[in-house]
Amino acid sequence: MRCGCSGFLRPGQAPTHHHHHHPMALIATSPYITARASTTTAGPATSSSRSCPLRAPGRSAASSRVLRAMAGAGADAAASATTGGSAPPSLLVFSGGTAFNGVVEELKKVTTRVAHVLPVSDDGGSTAEIVRVLGGPAVGDIRSRCLRLSDESTSEALSVRRLLGHRLPLDPSEAKLEWYLIVEGEHSLWDGVSRPYRETIRAFLVYFHNEILRRPVETFCFTNGSIGNFFFAGARIFFQSLDAAIFLFSRVSQIPAESLVLPVISTNDRLTLGCELWDGTIIRGQNEISHPSNGRREVVNKDCKSCNALPSSIKRVFYMSSEGRNLLHEVSTSILF
């Protein structure tokens, strides 16, 4: 990897420049993203556009104020639906990411006053790779729903949607090369994205990349990676809040104000889906439940006709910690409105 103002760092190599883009500085000055809970005006960002972006400095006082506002804004946005000026959702939908996405497109034509409650247990695709290396809850289903709800009324909105919905190639070398072009801001996917959006999105992609470099023991595989998942993961790690990451992604993708996207469990822990069969067997992992592999590590085949049957019927389903313990997790309070 190259190192310089527009380059990359080798794993373990420290950057030589000290003026870096910081995600909060970009958010504080972006006219497109407003933290409603904030009562303080953040000062303008002074980072040079020529600086190396692969290392985030300590938070300034101004960015910390915006950070606190953003961290609480996700819950505030949900609460305002029942106490504020906008009407509460007329529909509550519990679904997975893929199963309901086709319906969302048609439902938008009828009403956007919908609360979408989504799982944090997806353990397939690029989501699994993010969770493996960086930990935290799975965000793939939430990202997918936000994109389905995103604005399509302007050319820039379509450009942002295309960028966040893009997946890298299946070939590992090609995927890594394309990721470098995107995070460097040199890919054609940035065409049509204005500077405020460009700097905000790229800041969190760079933050995500920096988090990967800080874990040299784990080699991250970019194969078929989702740019939206990388952006979402960067925001969640930076804010240390799943709700704040959803709030940011919702604002960037401009989902309707009266639509809510909620995690069934609001957590920063690494969780997976587990189930107990009637014969007492405990199965760990969403893919192992839906597409049993008998312990073999192989690509999941979504063709239901080729699926192996479970040895017994399912008795109960629950979330498990990354260590395999069956811990109790509270349902997100935003759902209980």
C-alpha atoms as a PDB file:
ATOM      1  CA  MET A   1       0.000   0.000   0.000  1.00  0.00           C
ATOM      2  CA  ARG A   2       1.149   3.552  -0.674  1.00  0.00           C
ATOM      3  CA  CYS A   3       1.729   6.107   2.056  1.00  0.00           C
ATOM      4  CA  GLY A   4       1.323   9.832   1.558  1.00  0.00           C
ATOM      5  CA  CYS A   5      -1.346  12.487   1.333  1.00  0.00           C
ATOM      6  CA  SER A   6      -3.485  10.296  -0.879  1.00  0.00           C
ATOM      7  CA  GLY A   7      -1.983   6.924  -0.011  1.00  0.00           C
ATOM      8  CA  PHE A   8      -2.385   4.001   2.346  1.00  0.00           C
ATOM      9  CA  LEU A   9      -0.506   2.704   5.315  1.00  0.00           C
ATOM     10  CA  ARG A  10       0.996  -0.730   5.583  1.00  0.00           C
ATOM     11  CA  PRO A  11      -0.305  -2.748   8.537  1.00  0.00           C
ATOM     12  CA  GLY A  12       1.518  -1.550  11.647  1.00  0.00           C
ATOM     13  CA  GLN A  13       2.991   1.531   9.933  1.00  0.00           C
ATOM     14  CA  ALA A  14       2.322   4.852  11.647  1.00  0.00           C
ATOM     15  CA  PRO A  15       1.236   7.831   9.507  1.00  0.00           C
ATOM     16  CA  THR A  16       3.748  10.665   9.141  1.00  0.00           C
ATOM     17  CA  HIS A  17       1.236  13.520   8.852  1.00  0.00           C
ATOM     18  CA  HIS A  18      -0.574  15.003  11.843  1.00  0.00           C
ATOM     19  CA  HIS A  19      -3.460  16.927  10.304  1.00  0.00           C
ATOM     20  CA  HIS A  20      -6.173  14.389   9.579  1.00  0.00           C
ATOM     21  CA  HIS A  21      -9.806  14.414   8.631  1.00  0.00           C
ATOM     22  CA  HIS A  22     -11.914  13.495  11.629  1.00  0.00           C
ATOM     23  CA  PRO A  23     -15.444  12.158  11.202  1.00  0.00           C
ATOM     24  CA  MET A  24     -16.935  14.496  13.806  1.00  0.00           C
ATOM     25  CA  ALA A  25     -15.343  17.596  12.302  1.00  0.00           C
ATOM     26  CA  LEU A  26     -16.948  16.770   8.958  1.00  0.00           C
ATOM     27  CA  ILE A  27     -20.344  16.098  10.522  1.00  0.00           C
ATOM     28  CA  ALA A  28     -20.202  19.313  12.521  1.00  0.00           C
ATOM     29  CA  THR A  29     -19.874  21.366   9.315  1.00  0.00           C
ATOM     30  CA  SER A  30     -22.123  19.376   6.990  1.00  0.00           C
ATOM     31  CA  PRO A  31     -25.408  21.186   6.209  1.00  0.00           C
ATOM     32  CA  TYR A  32     -27.052  17.851   5.374  1.00  0.00           C
ATOM     33  CA  ILE A  33     -26.753  16.248   8.793  1.00  0.00           C
ATOM     34  CA  THR A  34     -28.211  18.009  11.819  1.00  0.00           C
ATOM     35  CA  ALA A  35     -28.230  16.579  15.332  1.00  0.00           C
ATOM     36  CA  ARG A  36     -31.622  17.734  16.575  1.00  0.00           C
ATOM     37  CA  ALA A  37     -30.671  17.214  20.198  1.00  0.00           C
ATOM     38  CA  SER A  38     -27.678  19.548  19.976  1.00  0.00           C
ATOM     39  CA  THR A  39     -28.080  23.055  21.402  1.00  0.00           C
ATOM     40  CA  THR A  40     -24.497  24.124  20.733  1.00  0.00           C
ATOM     41  CA  THR A  41     -23.086  25.296  17.434  1.00  0.00           C
ATOM     42  CA  ALA A  42     -19.905  23.454  16.607  1.00  0.00           C
ATOM     43  CA  GLY A  43     -16.987  25.402  15.218  1.00  0.00           C
ATOM     44  CA  PRO A  44     -15.873  24.970  11.612  1.00  0.00           C
ATOM     45  CA  ALA A  45     -13.510  22.206  10.651  1.00  0.00           C
ATOM     46  CA  THR A  46      -9.981  23.366   9.925  1.00  0.00           C
ATOM     47  CA  SER A  47      -8.481  20.138   8.579  1.00  0.00           C
ATOM     48  CA  SER A  48      -6.624  20.585   5.323  1.00  0.00           C
ATOM     49  CA  SER A  49      -8.055  18.788   2.309  1.00  0.00           C
ATOM     50  CA  ARG A  50      -4.510  17.694   1.488  1.00  0.00           C
ATOM     51  CA  SER A  51      -3.934  15.842   4.742  1.00  0.00           C
ATOM     52  CA  CYS A  52      -3.549  12.084   5.122  1.00  0.00           C
ATOM     53  CA  PRO A  53      -6.886  10.695   6.379  1.00  0.00           C
ATOM     54  CA  LEU A  54      -5.972   7.283   7.721  1.00  0.00           C
ATOM     55  CA  ARG A  55      -5.673   8.142  11.378  1.00  0.00           C
ATOM     56  CA  ALA A  56      -8.241   9.971  13.475  1.00  0.00           C
ATOM     57  CA  PRO A  57      -6.949  12.376  16.147  1.00  0.00           C
ATOM     58  CA  GLY A  58      -8.442  12.889  19.606  1.00  0.00           C
ATOM     59  CA  ARG A  59     -11.882  14.439  19.786  1.00  0.00           C
ATOM     60  CA  SER A  60     -12.065  18.233  20.112  1.00  0.00           C
ATOM     61  CA  ALA A  61     -14.507  19.895  22.509  1.00  0.00           C
ATOM     62  CA  ALA A  62     -16.766  20.867  19.616  1.00  0.00           C
ATOM     63  CA  SER A  63     -16.783  17.393  18.084  1.00  0.00           C
ATOM     64  CA  SER A  64     -17.436  15.845  21.506  1.00  0.00           C
ATOM     65  CA  ARG A  65     -20.561  17.968  21.862  1.00  0.00           C
ATOM     66  CA  VAL A  66     -21.795  16.824  18.475  1.00  0.00           C
ATOM     67  CA  LEU A  67     -20.850  13.233  19.362  1.00  0.00           C
ATOM     68  CA  ARG A  68     -23.005  13.344  22.497  1.00  0.00           C
ATOM     69  CA  ALA A  69     -25.877  14.787  20.492  1.00  0.00           C
ATOM     70  CA  MET A  70     -25.538  12.140  17.802  1.00  0.00           C
ATOM     71  CA  ALA A  71     -25.291   9.324  20.342  1.00  0.00           C
ATOM     72  CA  GLY A  72     -28.671  10.244  21.795  1.00  0.00           C
ATOM     73  CA  ALA A  73     -30.310  11.278  18.563  1.00  0.00           C
ATOM     74  CA  GLY A  74     -31.223   7.777  17.437  1.00  0.00           C
ATOM     75  CA  ALA A  75     -33.421   7.154  20.464  1.00  0.00           C
ATOM     76  CA  ASP A  76     -34.713  10.735  20.376  1.00  0.00           C
ATOM     77  CA  ALA A  77     -35.809  10.337  16.760  1.00  0.00           C
ATOM     78  CA  ALA A  78     -37.855   7.262  17.674  1.00  0.00           C
ATOM     79  CA  ALA A  79     -39.345   8.918  20.742  1.00  0.00           C
ATOM     80  CA  SER A  80     -40.350  12.032  18.792  1.00  0.00           C
ATOM     81  CA  ALA A  81     -42.656   9.890  16.664  1.00  0.00           C
ATOM     82  CA  THR A  82     -44.934   9.464  19.665  1.00  0.00           C
ATOM     83  CA  THR A  83     -44.461  12.780  21.452  1.00  0.00           C
ATOM     84  CA  GLY A  84     -43.516  15.296  18.783  1.00  0.00           C
ATOM     85  CA  GLY A  85     -44.845  16.925  15.661  1.00  0.00           C
ATOM     86  CA  SER A  86     -44.783  13.928  13.313  1.00  0.00           C
ATOM     87  CA  ALA A  87     -47.490  11.312  13.420  1.00  0.00           C
ATOM     88  CA  PRO A  88     -46.527   7.928  14.878  1.00  0.00           C
ATOM     89  CA  PRO A  89     -46.017   4.993  12.491  1.00  0.00           C
ATOM     90  CA  SER A  90     -49.194   3.301  11.342  1.00  0.00           C
ATOM     91  CA  LEU A  91     -47.471  -0.057  10.746  1.00  0.00           C
ATOM     92  CA  LEU A  92     -44.981  -2.079  12.757  1.00  0.00           C
ATOM     93  CA  VAL A  93     -43.002  -4.607  10.738  1.00  0.00           C
ATOM     94  CA  PHE A  94     -40.797  -7.369  12.172  1.00  0.00           C
ATOM     95  CA  SER A  95     -38.731  -8.886   9.380  1.00  0.00           C
ATOM     96  CA  GLY A  96     -35.341  -9.943   8.131  1.00  0.00           C
ATOM     97  CA  GLY A  97     -33.290  -7.956   5.653  1.00  0.00           C
ATOM     98  CA  THR A  98     -33.882  -9.931   2.468  1.00  0.00           C
ATOM     99  CA  ALA A  99     -37.335 -11.388   3.079  1.00  0.00           C
ATOM    100  CA  PHE A 100     -39.191  -8.076   3.220  1.00  0.00           C
ATOM    101  CA  ASN A 101     -37.093  -5.873   0.938  1.00  0.00           C
ATOM    102  CA  GLY A 102     -39.242  -6.576  -2.110  1.00  0.00           C
ATOM    103  CA  VAL A 103     -42.350  -5.562  -0.193  1.00  0.00           C
ATOM    104  CA  VAL A 104     -40.729  -2.324   1.024  1.00  0.00           C
ATOM    105  CA  GLU A 105     -40.527  -0.897  -2.485  1.00  0.00           C
ATOM    106  CA  GLU A 106     -44.285  -1.339  -2.962  1.00  0.00           C
ATOM    107  CA  LEU A 107     -45.168  -0.337   0.599  1.00  0.00           C
ATOM    108  CA  LYS A 108     -43.437   3.032   0.102  1.00  0.00           C
ATOM    109  CA  LYS A 109     -46.043   3.834  -2.547  1.00  0.00           C
ATOM    110  CA  VAL A 110     -48.819   3.365   0.033  1.00  0.00           C
ATOM    111  CA  THR A 111     -47.333   4.814   3.232  1.00  0.00           C
ATOM    112  CA  THR A 112     -43.969   5.703   4.720  1.00  0.00           C
ATOM    113  CA  ARG A 113     -45.321   5.776   8.278  1.00  0.00           C
ATOM    114  CA  VAL A 114     -43.773   2.415   9.079  1.00  0.00           C
ATOM    115  CA  ALA A 115     -41.511   1.234  11.905  1.00  0.00           C
ATOM    116  CA  HIS A 116     -39.159  -1.495  10.700  1.00  0.00           C
ATOM    117  CA  VAL A 117     -37.741  -3.748  13.434  1.00  0.00           C
ATOM    118  CA  LEU A 118     -34.751  -5.754  12.224  1.00  0.00           C
ATOM    119  CA  PRO A 119     -32.454  -8.435  13.678  1.00  0.00           C
ATOM    120  CA  VAL A 120     -28.765  -8.022  14.507  1.00  0.00           C
ATOM    121  CA  SER A 121     -27.878 -11.667  13.925  1.00  0.00           C
ATOM    122  CA  ASP A 122     -27.008 -11.893  10.219  1.00  0.00           C
ATOM    123  CA  ASP A 123     -23.827 -13.967   9.975  1.00  0.00           C
ATOM    124  CA  GLY A 124     -23.390 -14.240   6.224  1.00  0.00           C
ATOM    125  CA  GLY A 125     -21.555 -12.312   3.518  1.00  0.00           C
ATOM    126  CA  SER A 126     -19.519  -9.198   4.305  1.00  0.00           C
ATOM    127  CA  THR A 127     -21.428  -8.770   7.569  1.00  0.00           C
ATOM    128  CA  ALA A 128     -19.827 -11.942   8.907  1.00  0.00           C
ATOM    129  CA  GLU A 129     -16.360 -10.684   7.965  1.00  0.00           C
ATOM    130  CA  ILE A 130     -16.920  -7.359   9.741  1.00  0.00           C
ATOM    131  CA  VAL A 131     -18.152  -9.120  12.878  1.00  0.00           C
ATOM    132  CA  ARG A 132     -15.258 -11.592  12.747  1.00  0.00           C
ATOM    133  CA  VAL A 133     -12.574  -8.908  12.608  1.00  0.00           C
ATOM    134  CA  LEU A 134     -14.131  -5.905  14.362  1.00  0.00           C
ATOM    135  CA  GLY A 135     -16.839  -7.505  16.514  1.00  0.00           C
ATOM    136  CA  GLY A 136     -20.137  -5.823  17.346  1.00  0.00           C
ATOM    137  CA  PRO A 137     -23.662  -6.583  16.177  1.00  0.00           C
ATOM    138  CA  ALA A 138     -24.436  -7.530  12.572  1.00  0.00           C
ATOM    139  CA  VAL A 139     -25.646  -4.480  10.640  1.00  0.00           C
ATOM    140  CA  GLY A 140     -26.300  -5.968   7.189  1.00  0.00           C
ATOM    141  CA  ASP A 141     -30.087  -6.260   7.509  1.00  0.00           C
ATOM    142  CA  ILE A 142     -30.412  -2.746   8.937  1.00  0.00           C
ATOM    143  CA  ARG A 143     -28.224  -1.268   6.197  1.00  0.00           C
ATOM    144  CA  SER A 144     -30.240  -3.093   3.555  1.00  0.00           C
ATOM    145  CA  ARG A 145     -33.541  -1.696   4.856  1.00  0.00           C
ATOM    146  CA  CYS A 146     -32.211   1.858   5.110  1.00  0.00           C
ATOM    147  CA  LEU A 147     -31.129   1.700   1.471  1.00  0.00           C
ATOM    148  CA  ARG A 148     -34.540   0.409   0.398  1.00  0.00           C
ATOM    149  CA  LEU A 149     -36.151   3.365   2.162  1.00  0.00           C
ATOM    150  CA  SER A 150     -33.624   5.923   0.890  1.00  0.00           C
ATOM    151  CA  ASP A 151     -34.492   8.939  -1.205  1.00  0.00           C
ATOM    152  CA  GLU A 152     -34.508   8.585  -4.985  1.00  0.00           C
ATOM    153  CA  SER A 153     -35.937  11.982  -5.939  1.00  0.00           C
ATOM    154  CA  THR A 154     -32.692  13.686  -7.046  1.00  0.00           C
ATOM    155  CA  SER A 155     -29.627  12.700  -9.030  1.00  0.00           C
ATOM    156  CA  GLU A 156     -27.425  13.124  -5.950  1.00  0.00           C
ATOM    157  CA  ALA A 157     -29.711  10.938  -3.840  1.00  0.00           C
ATOM    158  CA  LEU A 158     -29.405   8.235  -6.491  1.00  0.00           C
ATOM    159  CA  SER A 159     -25.607   8.632  -6.508  1.00  0.00           C
ATOM    160  CA  VAL A 160     -25.442   8.230  -2.710  1.00  0.00           C
ATOM    161  CA  ARG A 161     -27.736   5.210  -2.899  1.00  0.00           C
ATOM    162  CA  ARG A 162     -25.593   3.667  -5.638  1.00  0.00           C
ATOM    163  CA  LEU A 163     -22.408   4.220  -3.608  1.00  0.00           C
ATOM    164  CA  LEU A 164     -23.753   2.798  -0.329  1.00  0.00           C
ATOM    165  CA  GLY A 165     -25.413  -0.091  -2.160  1.00  0.00           C
ATOM    166  CA  HIS A 166     -22.278  -1.090  -4.078  1.00  0.00           C
ATOM    167  CA  ARG A 167     -20.588  -4.443  -3.527  1.00  0.00           C
ATOM    168  CA  LEU A 168     -16.956  -5.186  -4.270  1.00  0.00           C
ATOM    169  CA  PRO A 169     -15.942  -7.934  -6.743  1.00  0.00           C
ATOM    170  CA  LEU A 170     -15.773 -11.597  -5.742  1.00  0.00           C
ATOM    171  CA  ASP A 171     -12.095 -11.859  -6.680  1.00  0.00           C
ATOM    172  CA  PRO A 172     -10.051 -10.926  -3.553  1.00  0.00           C
ATOM    173  CA  SER A 173      -7.382  -8.942  -5.426  1.00  0.00           C
ATOM    174  CA  GLU A 174      -9.894  -7.013  -7.500  1.00  0.00           C
ATOM    175  CA  ALA A 175     -12.037  -6.352  -4.414  1.00  0.00           C
ATOM    176  CA  LYS A 176      -9.085  -4.926  -2.478  1.00  0.00           C
ATOM    177  CA  LEU A 177      -7.995  -2.740  -5.390  1.00  0.00           C
ATOM    178  CA  GLU A 178     -11.480  -1.318  -5.878  1.00  0.00           C
ATOM    179  CA  TRP A 179     -11.835  -0.667  -2.141  1.00  0.00           C
ATOM    180  CA  TYR A 180      -8.618   1.384  -2.220  1.00  0.00           C
ATOM    181  CA  LEU A 181      -9.979   3.491  -5.081  1.00  0.00           C
ATOM    182  CA  ILE A 182     -13.225   4.105  -3.185  1.00  0.00           C
ATOM    183  CA  VAL A 183     -11.696   4.981   0.178  1.00  0.00           C
ATOM    184  CA  GLU A 184      -9.184   7.248  -1.588  1.00  0.00           C
ATOM    185  CA  GLY A 185     -12.071   9.097  -3.235  1.00  0.00           C
ATOM    186  CA  GLU A 186     -10.843   8.273  -6.740  1.00  0.00           C
ATOM    187  CA  HIS A 187     -13.557   5.815  -7.833  1.00  0.00           C
ATOM    188  CA  SER A 188     -16.268   6.778 -10.323  1.00  0.00           C
ATOM    189  CA  LEU A 189     -18.882   5.907  -7.681  1.00  0.00           C
ATOM    190  CA  TRP A 190     -18.191   9.317  -6.142  1.00  0.00           C
ATOM    191  CA  ASP A 191     -19.406  11.046  -9.313  1.00  0.00           C
ATOM    192  CA  GLY A 192     -22.549  13.012  -8.546  1.00  0.00           C
ATOM    193  CA  VAL A 193     -21.905  13.096  -4.775  1.00  0.00           C
ATOM    194  CA  SER A 194     -21.458  16.650  -3.486  1.00  0.00           C
ATOM    195  CA  ARG A 195     -18.580  17.610  -1.217  1.00  0.00           C
ATOM    196  CA  PRO A 196     -20.531  17.622   2.102  1.00  0.00           C
ATOM    197  CA  TYR A 197     -21.859  14.123   1.477  1.00  0.00           C
ATOM    198  CA  ARG A 198     -18.542  12.983   0.025  1.00  0.00           C
ATOM    199  CA  GLU A 199     -16.506  14.128   3.042  1.00  0.00           C
ATOM    200  CA  THR A 200     -18.988  12.742   5.568  1.00  0.00           C
ATOM    201  CA  ILE A 201     -19.249   9.294   3.973  1.00  0.00           C
ATOM    202  CA  ARG A 202     -15.550   9.024   3.183  1.00  0.00           C
ATOM    203  CA  ALA A 203     -14.558  10.035   6.717  1.00  0.00           C
ATOM    204  CA  PHE A 204     -16.278   6.968   8.173  1.00  0.00           C
ATOM    205  CA  LEU A 205     -14.986   4.691   5.419  1.00  0.00           C
ATOM    206  CA  VAL A 206     -11.475   5.870   6.305  1.00  0.00           C
ATOM    207  CA  TYR A 207     -12.209   5.328   9.992  1.00  0.00           C
ATOM    208  CA  PHE A 208     -13.362   1.790   9.196  1.00  0.00           C
ATOM    209  CA  HIS A 209     -10.178   1.178   7.177  1.00  0.00           C
ATOM    210  CA  ASN A 210      -8.059   2.497  10.051  1.00  0.00           C
ATOM    211  CA  GLU A 211      -9.749   0.102  12.476  1.00  0.00           C
ATOM    212  CA  ILE A 212      -8.824  -2.791  10.193  1.00  0.00           C
ATOM    213  CA  LEU A 213      -5.184  -1.666  10.051  1.00  0.00           C
ATOM    214  CA  ARG A 214      -5.088  -1.561  13.836  1.00  0.00           C
ATOM    215  CA  ARG A 215      -5.785  -5.302  13.902  1.00  0.00           C
ATOM    216  CA  PRO A 216      -2.829  -6.733  11.953  1.00  0.00           C
ATOM    217  CA  VAL A 217      -3.385 -10.206  13.400  1.00  0.00           C
ATOM    218  CA  GLU A 218      -6.692 -10.500  11.527  1.00  0.00           C
ATOM    219  CA  THR A 219      -6.536 -10.262   7.725  1.00  0.00           C
ATOM    220  CA  PHE A 220      -9.715  -8.647   6.452  1.00  0.00           C
ATOM    221  CA  CYS A 221     -11.217 -10.078   3.264  1.00  0.00           C
ATOM    222  CA  PHE A 222     -12.947  -7.475   1.081  1.00  0.00           C
ATOM    223  CA  THR A 223     -14.544 -10.062  -1.217  1.00  0.00           C
ATOM    224  CA  ASN A 224     -18.128  -9.088  -2.093  1.00  0.00           C
ATOM    225  CA  GLY A 225     -17.916  -6.417   0.607  1.00  0.00           C
ATOM    226  CA  SER A 226     -20.744  -3.914   0.973  1.00  0.00           C
ATOM    227  CA  ILE A 227     -19.662  -0.257   1.025  1.00  0.00           C
ATOM    228  CA  GLY A 228     -22.777   0.545   3.034  1.00  0.00           C
ATOM    229  CA  ASN A 229     -21.819  -2.082   5.626  1.00  0.00           C
ATOM    230  CA  PHE A 230     -18.299  -0.615   5.878  1.00  0.00           C
ATOM    231  CA  PHE A 231     -19.705   2.905   6.363  1.00  0.00           C
ATOM    232  CA  PHE A 232     -22.212   1.656   8.933  1.00  0.00           C
ATOM    233  CA  ALA A 233     -19.540  -0.277  10.855  1.00  0.00           C
ATOM    234  CA  GLY A 234     -17.196   2.718  10.887  1.00  0.00           C
ATOM    235  CA  ALA A 235     -19.938   4.920  12.338  1.00  0.00           C
ATOM    236  CA  ARG A 236     -20.954   2.371  14.965  1.00  0.00           C
ATOM    237  CA  ILE A 237     -17.388   1.868  16.159  1.00  0.00           C
ATOM    238  CA  PHE A 238     -16.705   5.608  16.256  1.00  0.00           C
ATOM    239  CA  PHE A 239     -19.868   6.487  18.174  1.00  0.00           C
ATOM    240  CA  GLN A 240     -19.869   3.253  20.197  1.00  0.00           C
ATOM    241  CA  SER A 241     -23.619   3.306  19.619  1.00  0.00           C
ATOM    242  CA  LEU A 242     -25.755   1.288  17.218  1.00  0.00           C
ATOM    243  CA  ASP A 243     -28.594   3.813  17.529  1.00  0.00           C
ATOM    244  CA  ALA A 244     -26.316   6.708  16.577  1.00  0.00           C
ATOM    245  CA  ALA A 245     -25.000   4.783  13.555  1.00  0.00           C
ATOM    246  CA  ILE A 246     -28.570   4.121  12.383  1.00  0.00           C
ATOM    247  CA  PHE A 247     -29.404   7.804  12.875  1.00  0.00           C
ATOM    248  CA  LEU A 248     -26.388   8.865  10.780  1.00  0.00           C
ATOM    249  CA  PHE A 249     -27.040   6.323   8.017  1.00  0.00           C
ATOM    250  CA  SER A 250     -30.715   7.350   7.912  1.00  0.00           C
ATOM    251  CA  ARG A 251     -29.776  11.016   7.480  1.00  0.00           C
ATOM    252  CA  VAL A 252     -27.135  10.356   4.845  1.00  0.00           C
ATOM    253  CA  SER A 253     -29.463   8.107   2.830  1.00  0.00           C
ATOM    254  CA  GLN A 254     -32.384  10.475   3.544  1.00  0.00           C
ATOM    255  CA  ILE A 255     -35.028   7.963   4.523  1.00  0.00           C
ATOM    256  CA  PRO A 256     -38.462   9.542   5.143  1.00  0.00           C
ATOM    257  CA  ALA A 257     -38.673  11.357   8.487  1.00  0.00           C
ATOM    258  CA  GLU A 258     -41.785   9.401   9.444  1.00  0.00           C
ATOM    259  CA  SER A 259     -40.080   6.030   8.832  1.00  0.00           C
ATOM    260  CA  LEU A 260     -38.229   4.311  11.651  1.00  0.00           C
ATOM    261  CA  VAL A 261     -35.526   1.642  11.363  1.00  0.00           C
ATOM    262  CA  LEU A 262     -34.958  -0.041  14.729  1.00  0.00           C
ATOM    263  CA  PRO A 263     -32.731  -2.895  15.893  1.00  0.00           C
ATOM    264  CA  VAL A 264     -34.627  -5.541  17.835  1.00  0.00           C
ATOM    265  CA  ILE A 265     -31.803  -5.310  20.384  1.00  0.00           C
ATOM    266  CA  SER A 266     -29.700  -2.168  20.777  1.00  0.00           C
ATOM    267  CA  THR A 267     -26.230  -3.417  21.653  1.00  0.00           C
ATOM    268  CA  ASN A 268     -22.566  -3.112  20.798  1.00  0.00           C
ATOM    269  CA  ASP A 269     -21.960  -6.757  21.682  1.00  0.00           C
ATOM    270  CA  ARG A 270     -21.238  -9.491  19.176  1.00  0.00           C
ATOM    271  CA  LEU A 271     -24.384 -11.601  19.068  1.00  0.00           C
ATOM    272  CA  THR A 272     -25.573 -14.495  16.976  1.00  0.00           C
ATOM    273  CA  LEU A 273     -28.838 -16.352  16.648  1.00  0.00           C
ATOM    274  CA  GLY A 274     -29.173 -19.665  18.449  1.00  0.00           C
ATOM    275  CA  CYS A 275     -31.887 -22.261  18.772  1.00  0.00           C
ATOM    276  CA  GLU A 276     -32.754 -25.283  20.878  1.00  0.00           C
ATOM    277  CA  LEU A 277     -34.282 -28.309  19.176  1.00  0.00           C
ATOM    278  CA  TRP A 278     -36.825 -30.574  20.802  1.00  0.00           C
ATOM    279  CA  ASP A 279     -34.176 -33.295  21.075  1.00  0.00           C
ATOM    280  CA  GLY A 280     -32.033 -30.939  23.212  1.00  0.00           C
ATOM    281  CA  THR A 281     -29.537 -29.970  20.492  1.00  0.00           C
ATOM    282  CA  ILE A 282     -28.284 -26.358  20.598  1.00  0.00           C
ATOM    283  CA  ILE A 283     -27.435 -24.809  17.217  1.00  0.00           C
ATOM    284  CA  ARG A 284     -25.424 -21.593  16.988  1.00  0.00           C
ATOM    285  CA  GLY A 285     -25.585 -19.242  13.998  1.00  0.00           C
ATOM    286  CA  GLN A 286     -28.327 -18.043  11.661  1.00  0.00           C
ATOM    287  CA  ASN A 287     -26.891 -19.843   8.646  1.00  0.00           C
ATOM    288  CA  GLU A 288     -26.497 -23.091  10.596  1.00  0.00           C
ATOM    289  CA  ILE A 289     -30.192 -22.924  11.484  1.00  0.00           C
ATOM    290  CA  SER A 290     -31.499 -22.075   8.010  1.00  0.00           C
ATOM    291  CA  HIS A 291     -28.879 -23.988   5.977  1.00  0.00           C
ATOM    292  CA  PRO A 292     -27.333 -26.757   8.141  1.00  0.00           C
ATOM    293  CA  SER A 293     -23.819 -27.683   7.058  1.00  0.00           C
ATOM    294  CA  ASN A 294     -23.076 -30.416   9.624  1.00  0.00           C
ATOM    295  CA  GLY A 295     -20.014 -28.505  10.790  1.00  0.00           C
ATOM    296  CA  ARG A 296     -18.471 -28.058   7.337  1.00  0.00           C
ATOM    297  CA  ARG A 297     -17.115 -24.619   6.384  1.00  0.00           C
ATOM    298  CA  GLU A 298     -18.653 -23.939   2.980  1.00  0.00           C
ATOM    299  CA  VAL A 299     -20.446 -21.240   1.024  1.00  0.00           C
ATOM    300  CA  VAL A 300     -24.113 -21.119   2.004  1.00  0.00           C
ATOM    301  CA  ASN A 301     -26.393 -22.338  -0.760  1.00  0.00           C
ATOM    302  CA  LYS A 302     -29.629 -20.359  -0.626  1.00  0.00           C
ATOM    303  CA  ASP A 303     -31.434 -22.950  -2.748  1.00  0.00           C
ATOM    304  CA  CYS A 304     -33.910 -24.421  -0.261  1.00  0.00           C
ATOM    305  CA  LYS A 305     -34.177 -27.654  -2.260  1.00  0.00           C
ATOM    306  CA  SER A 306     -30.573 -28.511  -1.423  1.00  0.00           C
ATOM    307  CA  CYS A 307     -30.816 -27.771   2.310  1.00  0.00           C
ATOM    308  CA  ASN A 308     -30.206 -30.487   4.844  1.00  0.00           C
ATOM    309  CA  ALA A 309     -32.990 -31.034   7.341  1.00  0.00           C
ATOM    310  CA  LEU A 310     -32.489 -30.315  11.026  1.00  0.00           C
ATOM    311  CA  PRO A 311     -32.348 -33.480  13.176  1.00  0.00           C
ATOM    312  CA  SER A 312     -35.392 -32.269  15.139  1.00  0.00           C
ATOM    313  CA  SER A 313     -37.924 -29.461  15.066  1.00  0.00           C
ATOM    314  CA  ILE A 314     -37.136 -26.114  16.710  1.00  0.00           C
ATOM    315  CA  LYS A 315     -38.290 -25.600  20.299  1.00  0.00           C
ATOM    316  CA  ARG A 316     -37.123 -22.003  20.864  1.00  0.00           C
ATOM    317  CA  VAL A 317     -34.943 -19.308  19.279  1.00  0.00           C
ATOM    318  CA  PHE A 318     -32.761 -16.826  21.172  1.00  0.00           C
ATOM    319  CA  TYR A 319     -29.725 -14.561  20.915  1.00  0.00           C
ATOM    320  CA  MET A 320     -26.370 -15.902  22.069  1.00  0.00           C
ATOM    321  CA  SER A 321     -23.193 -14.065  22.959  1.00  0.00           C
ATOM    322  CA  SER A 322     -20.063 -14.561  20.870  1.00  0.00           C
ATOM    323  CA  GLU A 323     -18.793 -16.991  23.493  1.00  0.00           C
ATOM    324  CA  GLY A 324     -21.869 -19.157  23.036  1.00  0.00           C
ATOM    325  CA  ARG A 325     -23.580 -18.338  26.327  1.00  0.00           C
ATOM    326  CA  ASN A 326     -27.345 -17.899  26.240  1.00  0.00           C
ATOM    327  CA  LEU A 327     -27.644 -14.439  27.771  1.00  0.00           C
ATOM    328  CA  LEU A 328     -30.815 -12.444  28.228  1.00  0.00           C
ATOM    329  CA  HIS A 329     -30.905  -9.263  26.142  1.00  0.00           C
ATOM    330  CA  GLU A 330     -33.537  -6.579  26.530  1.00  0.00           C
ATOM    331  CA  VAL A 331     -35.626  -5.603  23.526  1.00  0.00           C
ATOM    332  CA  SER A 332     -34.778  -2.113  22.233  1.00  0.00           C
ATOM    333  CA  THR A 333     -36.880   0.379  24.202  1.00  0.00           C
ATOM    334  CA  SER A 334     -37.616   2.309  20.997  1.00  0.00           C
ATOM    335  CA  ILE A 335     -39.860  -0.575  19.900  1.00  0.00           C
ATOM    336  CA  LEU A 336     -42.057  -0.269  22.991  1.00  0.00           C
ATOM    337  CA  PHE A 337     -43.832   2.934  22.020  1.00  0.00           C
END
